[in-house]
Amino acid sequence: GGGYFIKDHPSKTSIAAVIRIVDGPIAM
């Protein structure tokens, strides 16, 4: 019954936060 799941409700994590984690800076 294992696997991955989103820790907090999806409405609490911004798209910007994910981009920063995966790609780093958003600014050009």
PDB file of all heavy atoms in Angstrom:
ATOM      1  N   GLY A   1       0.812  -1.214   0.000  1.00  0.00           N
ATOM      2  CA  GLY A   1       0.000   0.000   0.000  1.00  0.00           C
ATOM      3  C   GLY A   1       0.840   1.256   0.000  1.00  0.00           C
ATOM      4  O   GLY A   1       0.341   2.352   0.245  1.00  0.00           O
ATOM      5  N   GLY A   2       2.124   1.096  -0.286  1.00  0.00           N
ATOM      6  CA  GLY A   2       3.040   2.229  -0.263  1.00  0.00           C
ATOM      7  C   GLY A   2       3.091   2.977  -1.572  1.00  0.00           C
ATOM      8  O   GLY A   2       2.438   2.616  -2.547  1.00  0.00           O
ATOM      9  N   GLY A   3       3.872   4.013  -1.579  1.00  0.00           N
ATOM     10  CA  GLY A   3       4.056   4.843  -2.764  1.00  0.00           C
ATOM     11  C   GLY A   3       4.253   6.286  -2.352  1.00  0.00           C
ATOM     12  O   GLY A   3       4.554   6.586  -1.202  1.00  0.00           O
ATOM     13  N   TYR A   4       4.061   7.172  -3.301  1.00  0.00           N
ATOM     14  CA  TYR A   4       4.211   8.609  -3.058  1.00  0.00           C
ATOM     15  C   TYR A   4       2.852   9.273  -2.969  1.00  0.00           C
ATOM     16  O   TYR A   4       1.890   8.849  -3.617  1.00  0.00           O
ATOM     17  CB  TYR A   4       5.015   9.261  -4.185  1.00  0.00           C
ATOM     18  CG  TYR A   4       6.505   9.087  -4.038  1.00  0.00           C
ATOM     19  CD1 TYR A   4       7.158   8.017  -4.633  1.00  0.00           C
ATOM     20  CD2 TYR A   4       7.260   9.997  -3.305  1.00  0.00           C
ATOM     21  CE1 TYR A   4       8.534   7.858  -4.501  1.00  0.00           C
ATOM     22  CE2 TYR A   4       8.634   9.841  -3.167  1.00  0.00           C
ATOM     23  CZ  TYR A   4       9.260   8.779  -3.769  1.00  0.00           C
ATOM     24  OH  TYR A   4      10.615   8.624  -3.627  1.00  0.00           O
ATOM     25  N   PHE A   5       2.795  10.346  -2.168  1.00  0.00           N
ATOM     26  CA  PHE A   5       1.586  11.148  -2.077  1.00  0.00           C
ATOM     27  C   PHE A   5       1.981  12.576  -1.718  1.00  0.00           C
ATOM     28  O   PHE A   5       3.055  12.828  -1.169  1.00  0.00           O
ATOM     29  CB  PHE A   5       0.589  10.567  -1.068  1.00  0.00           C
ATOM     30  CG  PHE A   5       1.138  10.392   0.322  1.00  0.00           C
ATOM     31  CD1 PHE A   5       0.923  11.348   1.302  1.00  0.00           C
ATOM     32  CD2 PHE A   5       1.874   9.256   0.653  1.00  0.00           C
ATOM     33  CE1 PHE A   5       1.432  11.179   2.586  1.00  0.00           C
ATOM     34  CE2 PHE A   5       2.382   9.074   1.936  1.00  0.00           C
ATOM     35  CZ  PHE A   5       2.158  10.047   2.907  1.00  0.00           C
ATOM     36  N   ILE A   6       1.099  13.506  -2.043  1.00  0.00           N
ATOM     37  CA  ILE A   6       1.344  14.918  -1.744  1.00  0.00           C
ATOM     38  C   ILE A   6       1.145  15.119  -0.249  1.00  0.00           C
ATOM     39  O   ILE A   6       0.128  14.718   0.318  1.00  0.00           O
ATOM     40  CB  ILE A   6       0.418  15.820  -2.577  1.00  0.00           C
ATOM     41  CG1 ILE A   6       0.723  15.619  -4.069  1.00  0.00           C
ATOM     42  CG2 ILE A   6       0.587  17.280  -2.178  1.00  0.00           C
ATOM     43  CD1 ILE A   6      -0.250  16.294  -5.005  1.00  0.00           C
ATOM     44  N   LYS A   7       2.124  15.749   0.389  1.00  0.00           N
ATOM     45  CA  LYS A   7       2.141  15.890   1.850  1.00  0.00           C
ATOM     46  C   LYS A   7       0.982  16.751   2.373  1.00  0.00           C
ATOM     47  O   LYS A   7       0.252  16.332   3.251  1.00  0.00           O
ATOM     48  CB  LYS A   7       3.481  16.491   2.284  1.00  0.00           C
ATOM     49  CG  LYS A   7       3.637  16.641   3.774  1.00  0.00           C
ATOM     50  CD  LYS A   7       5.012  17.181   4.108  1.00  0.00           C
ATOM     51  CE  LYS A   7       5.158  17.372   5.609  1.00  0.00           C
ATOM     52  NZ  LYS A   7       6.473  17.891   5.950  1.00  0.00           N
ATOM     53  N   ASP A   8       0.863  17.965   1.865  1.00  0.00           N
ATOM     54  CA  ASP A   8      -0.200  18.877   2.295  1.00  0.00           C
ATOM     55  C   ASP A   8      -1.270  18.936   1.212  1.00  0.00           C
ATOM     56  O   ASP A   8      -1.047  18.489   0.087  1.00  0.00           O
ATOM     57  CB  ASP A   8       0.371  20.282   2.530  1.00  0.00           C
ATOM     58  CG  ASP A   8       1.382  20.310   3.665  1.00  0.00           C
ATOM     59  OD1 ASP A   8       1.144  19.644   4.693  1.00  0.00           O
ATOM     60  OD2 ASP A   8       2.405  21.001   3.522  1.00  0.00           O
ATOM     61  N   HIS A   9      -2.388  19.523   1.525  1.00  0.00           N
ATOM     62  CA  HIS A   9      -3.432  19.666   0.510  1.00  0.00           C
ATOM     63  C   HIS A   9      -2.827  20.386  -0.700  1.00  0.00           C
ATOM     64  O   HIS A   9      -2.048  21.339  -0.537  1.00  0.00           O
ATOM     65  CB  HIS A   9      -4.630  20.445   1.064  1.00  0.00           C
ATOM     66  CG  HIS A   9      -5.807  20.378   0.158  1.00  0.00           C
ATOM     67  ND1 HIS A   9      -5.977  21.255  -0.889  1.00  0.00           N
ATOM     68  CD2 HIS A   9      -6.844  19.509   0.116  1.00  0.00           C
ATOM     69  CE1 HIS A   9      -7.085  20.946  -1.532  1.00  0.00           C
ATOM     70  NE2 HIS A   9      -7.635  19.879  -0.937  1.00  0.00           N
ATOM     71  N   PRO A  10      -3.148  19.947  -1.908  1.00  0.00           N
ATOM     72  CA  PRO A  10      -2.560  20.542  -3.117  1.00  0.00           C
ATOM     73  C   PRO A  10      -2.776  22.049  -3.246  1.00  0.00           C
ATOM     74  O   PRO A  10      -2.001  22.724  -3.933  1.00  0.00           O
ATOM     75  CB  PRO A  10      -3.259  19.793  -4.264  1.00  0.00           C
ATOM     76  CG  PRO A  10      -3.675  18.502  -3.675  1.00  0.00           C
ATOM     77  CD  PRO A  10      -3.994  18.782  -2.233  1.00  0.00           C
ATOM     78  N   SER A  11      -3.763  22.585  -2.573  1.00  0.00           N
ATOM     79  CA  SER A  11      -4.017  24.030  -2.642  1.00  0.00           C
ATOM     80  C   SER A  11      -3.007  24.833  -1.826  1.00  0.00           C
ATOM     81  O   SER A  11      -2.986  26.059  -1.889  1.00  0.00           O
ATOM     82  CB  SER A  11      -5.430  24.345  -2.161  1.00  0.00           C
ATOM     83  OG  SER A  11      -5.564  24.011  -0.787  1.00  0.00           O
ATOM     84  N   LYS A  12      -2.138  24.161  -1.066  1.00  0.00           N
ATOM     85  CA  LYS A  12      -1.184  24.856  -0.204  1.00  0.00           C
ATOM     86  C   LYS A  12       0.216  24.982  -0.805  1.00  0.00           C
ATOM     87  O   LYS A  12       1.078  25.633  -0.227  1.00  0.00           O
ATOM     88  CB  LYS A  12      -1.096  24.156   1.148  1.00  0.00           C
ATOM     89  CG  LYS A  12      -2.394  24.227   1.906  1.00  0.00           C
ATOM     90  CD  LYS A  12      -2.260  23.649   3.282  1.00  0.00           C
ATOM     91  CE  LYS A  12      -3.619  23.750   3.958  1.00  0.00           C
ATOM     92  NZ  LYS A  12      -3.542  23.852   5.369  1.00  0.00           N
ATOM     93  N   THR A  13       0.452  24.353  -1.965  1.00  0.00           N
ATOM     94  CA  THR A  13       1.782  24.389  -2.573  1.00  0.00           C
ATOM     95  C   THR A  13       1.714  25.136  -3.894  1.00  0.00           C
ATOM     96  O   THR A  13       0.971  24.737  -4.798  1.00  0.00           O
ATOM     97  CB  THR A  13       2.318  22.966  -2.804  1.00  0.00           C
ATOM     98  OG1 THR A  13       2.347  22.278  -1.548  1.00  0.00           O
ATOM     99  CG2 THR A  13       3.713  22.992  -3.400  1.00  0.00           C
ATOM    100  N   SER A  14       2.490  26.208  -4.006  1.00  0.00           N
ATOM    101  CA  SER A  14       2.459  27.008  -5.232  1.00  0.00           C
ATOM    102  C   SER A  14       3.284  26.356  -6.344  1.00  0.00           C
ATOM    103  O   SER A  14       4.225  25.608  -6.086  1.00  0.00           O
ATOM    104  CB  SER A  14       2.982  28.423  -4.973  1.00  0.00           C
ATOM    105  OG  SER A  14       4.389  28.417  -4.827  1.00  0.00           O
ATOM    106  N   ILE A  15       2.901  26.682  -7.550  1.00  0.00           N
ATOM    107  CA  ILE A  15       3.645  26.228  -8.731  1.00  0.00           C
ATOM    108  C   ILE A  15       5.063  26.804  -8.674  1.00  0.00           C
ATOM    109  O   ILE A  15       6.034  26.137  -9.004  1.00  0.00           O
ATOM    110  CB  ILE A  15       2.916  26.660 -10.028  1.00  0.00           C
ATOM    111  CG1 ILE A  15       1.515  26.032 -10.102  1.00  0.00           C
ATOM    112  CG2 ILE A  15       3.746  26.341 -11.254  1.00  0.00           C
ATOM    113  CD1 ILE A  15       1.480  24.528 -10.153  1.00  0.00           C
ATOM    114  N   ALA A  16       5.184  28.040  -8.209  1.00  0.00           N
ATOM    115  CA  ALA A  16       6.499  28.684  -8.101  1.00  0.00           C
ATOM    116  C   ALA A  16       7.425  27.891  -7.183  1.00  0.00           C
ATOM    117  O   ALA A  16       8.613  27.725  -7.475  1.00  0.00           O
ATOM    118  CB  ALA A  16       6.355  30.117  -7.593  1.00  0.00           C
ATOM    119  N   ALA A  17       6.895  27.384  -6.075  1.00  0.00           N
ATOM    120  CA  ALA A  17       7.718  26.612  -5.133  1.00  0.00           C
ATOM    121  C   ALA A  17       8.285  25.375  -5.802  1.00  0.00           C
ATOM    122  O   ALA A  17       9.468  25.045  -5.622  1.00  0.00           O
ATOM    123  CB  ALA A  17       6.894  26.227  -3.906  1.00  0.00           C
ATOM    124  N   VAL A  18       7.477  24.692  -6.593  1.00  0.00           N
ATOM    125  CA  VAL A  18       7.939  23.483  -7.280  1.00  0.00           C
ATOM    126  C   VAL A  18       9.007  23.829  -8.313  1.00  0.00           C
ATOM    127  O   VAL A  18      10.036  23.155  -8.407  1.00  0.00           O
ATOM    128  CB  VAL A  18       6.759  22.732  -7.940  1.00  0.00           C
ATOM    129  CG1 VAL A  18       7.261  21.550  -8.766  1.00  0.00           C
ATOM    130  CG2 VAL A  18       5.762  22.273  -6.885  1.00  0.00           C
ATOM    131  N   ILE A  19       8.783  24.889  -9.066  1.00  0.00           N
ATOM    132  CA  ILE A  19       9.782  25.294 -10.070  1.00  0.00           C
ATOM    133  C   ILE A  19      11.113  25.589  -9.404  1.00  0.00           C
ATOM    134  O   ILE A  19      12.167  25.164  -9.877  1.00  0.00           O
ATOM    135  CB  ILE A  19       9.289  26.505 -10.888  1.00  0.00           C
ATOM    136  CG1 ILE A  19       8.103  26.093 -11.767  1.00  0.00           C
ATOM    137  CG2 ILE A  19      10.426  27.082 -11.748  1.00  0.00           C
ATOM    138  CD1 ILE A  19       7.409  27.247 -12.478  1.00  0.00           C
ATOM    139  N   ARG A  20      11.073  26.306  -8.286  1.00  0.00           N
ATOM    140  CA  ARG A  20      12.324  26.632  -7.582  1.00  0.00           C
ATOM    141  C   ARG A  20      13.039  25.375  -7.091  1.00  0.00           C
ATOM    142  O   ARG A  20      14.259  25.297  -7.136  1.00  0.00           O
ATOM    143  CB  ARG A  20      12.044  27.565  -6.418  1.00  0.00           C
ATOM    144  CG  ARG A  20      11.744  28.979  -6.844  1.00  0.00           C
ATOM    145  CD  ARG A  20      11.587  29.906  -5.644  1.00  0.00           C
ATOM    146  NE  ARG A  20      11.254  31.239  -6.067  1.00  0.00           N
ATOM    147  CZ  ARG A  20      10.067  31.805  -5.860  1.00  0.00           C
ATOM    148  NH1 ARG A  20       9.112  31.169  -5.196  1.00  0.00           N
ATOM    149  NH2 ARG A  20       9.840  33.038  -6.290  1.00  0.00           N
ATOM    150  N   ILE A  21      12.291  24.395  -6.632  1.00  0.00           N
ATOM    151  CA  ILE A  21      12.893  23.146  -6.151  1.00  0.00           C
ATOM    152  C   ILE A  21      13.540  22.382  -7.302  1.00  0.00           C
ATOM    153  O   ILE A  21      14.661  21.900  -7.187  1.00  0.00           O
ATOM    154  CB  ILE A  21      11.836  22.264  -5.444  1.00  0.00           C
ATOM    155  CG1 ILE A  21      11.415  22.909  -4.133  1.00  0.00           C
ATOM    156  CG2 ILE A  21      12.363  20.854  -5.218  1.00  0.00           C
ATOM    157  CD1 ILE A  21      10.125  22.345  -3.555  1.00  0.00           C
ATOM    158  N   VAL A  22      12.830  22.288  -8.405  1.00  0.00           N
ATOM    159  CA  VAL A  22      13.286  21.448  -9.507  1.00  0.00           C
ATOM    160  C   VAL A  22      14.272  22.171 -10.428  1.00  0.00           C
ATOM    161  O   VAL A  22      15.288  21.601 -10.827  1.00  0.00           O
ATOM    162  CB  VAL A  22      12.075  20.923 -10.329  1.00  0.00           C
ATOM    163  CG1 VAL A  22      12.529  20.111 -11.524  1.00  0.00           C
ATOM    164  CG2 VAL A  22      11.161  20.091  -9.447  1.00  0.00           C
ATOM    165  N   ASP A  23      13.971  23.426 -10.760  1.00  0.00           N
ATOM    166  CA  ASP A  23      14.778  24.154 -11.753  1.00  0.00           C
ATOM    167  C   ASP A  23      15.618  25.286 -11.173  1.00  0.00           C
ATOM    168  O   ASP A  23      16.482  25.815 -11.852  1.00  0.00           O
ATOM    169  CB  ASP A  23      13.868  24.757 -12.832  1.00  0.00           C
ATOM    170  CG  ASP A  23      13.587  23.817 -13.974  1.00  0.00           C
ATOM    171  OD1 ASP A  23      14.157  22.710 -14.005  1.00  0.00           O
ATOM    172  OD2 ASP A  23      12.788  24.184 -14.857  1.00  0.00           O
ATOM    173  N   GLY A  24      15.348  25.713  -9.960  1.00  0.00           N
ATOM    174  CA  GLY A  24      16.075  26.832  -9.391  1.00  0.00           C
ATOM    175  C   GLY A  24      15.355  28.140  -9.661  1.00  0.00           C
ATOM    176  O   GLY A  24      14.127  28.195  -9.621  1.00  0.00           O
ATOM    177  N   PRO A  25      16.095  29.202  -9.980  1.00  0.00           N
ATOM    178  CA  PRO A  25      15.504  30.536 -10.109  1.00  0.00           C
ATOM    179  C   PRO A  25      14.432  30.617 -11.194  1.00  0.00           C
ATOM    180  O   PRO A  25      14.527  29.983 -12.229  1.00  0.00           O
ATOM    181  CB  PRO A  25      16.678  31.428 -10.497  1.00  0.00           C
ATOM    182  CG  PRO A  25      17.898  30.652 -10.206  1.00  0.00           C
ATOM    183  CD  PRO A  25      17.528  29.212 -10.227  1.00  0.00           C
ATOM    184  N   ILE A  26      13.437  31.449 -10.910  1.00  0.00           N
ATOM    185  CA  ILE A  26      12.400  31.726 -11.892  1.00  0.00           C
ATOM    186  C   ILE A  26      12.809  32.906 -12.763  1.00  0.00           C
ATOM    187  O   ILE A  26      12.499  32.957 -13.941  1.00  0.00           O
ATOM    188  CB  ILE A  26      11.049  31.984 -11.180  1.00  0.00           C
ATOM    189  CG1 ILE A  26      10.583  30.668 -10.537  1.00  0.00           C
ATOM    190  CG2 ILE A  26      10.008  32.543 -12.133  1.00  0.00           C
ATOM    191  CD1 ILE A  26       9.397  30.790  -9.626  1.00  0.00           C
ATOM    192  N   ALA A  27      13.533  33.845 -12.180  1.00  0.00           N
ATOM    193  CA  ALA A  27      13.978  35.032 -12.914  1.00  0.00           C
ATOM    194  C   ALA A  27      14.900  34.643 -14.062  1.00  0.00           C
ATOM    195  O   ALA A  27      15.649  33.666 -13.982  1.00  0.00           O
ATOM    196  CB  ALA A  27      14.700  35.985 -11.974  1.00  0.00           C
ATOM    197  N   MET A  28      14.855  35.439 -15.121  1.00  0.00           N
ATOM    198  CA  MET A  28      15.663  35.156 -16.307  1.00  0.00           C
ATOM    199  C   MET A  28      17.111  35.620 -16.165  1.00  0.00           C
ATOM    200  O   MET A  28      17.968  35.165 -16.915  1.00  0.00           O
ATOM    201  CB  MET A  28      15.023  35.797 -17.541  1.00  0.00           C
ATOM    202  CG  MET A  28      13.659  35.177 -17.861  1.00  0.00           C
ATOM    203  SD  MET A  28      12.820  35.967 -19.242  1.00  0.00           S
ATOM    204  CE  MET A  28      13.798  35.364 -20.592  1.00  0.00           C
TER     205      MET A  28
END
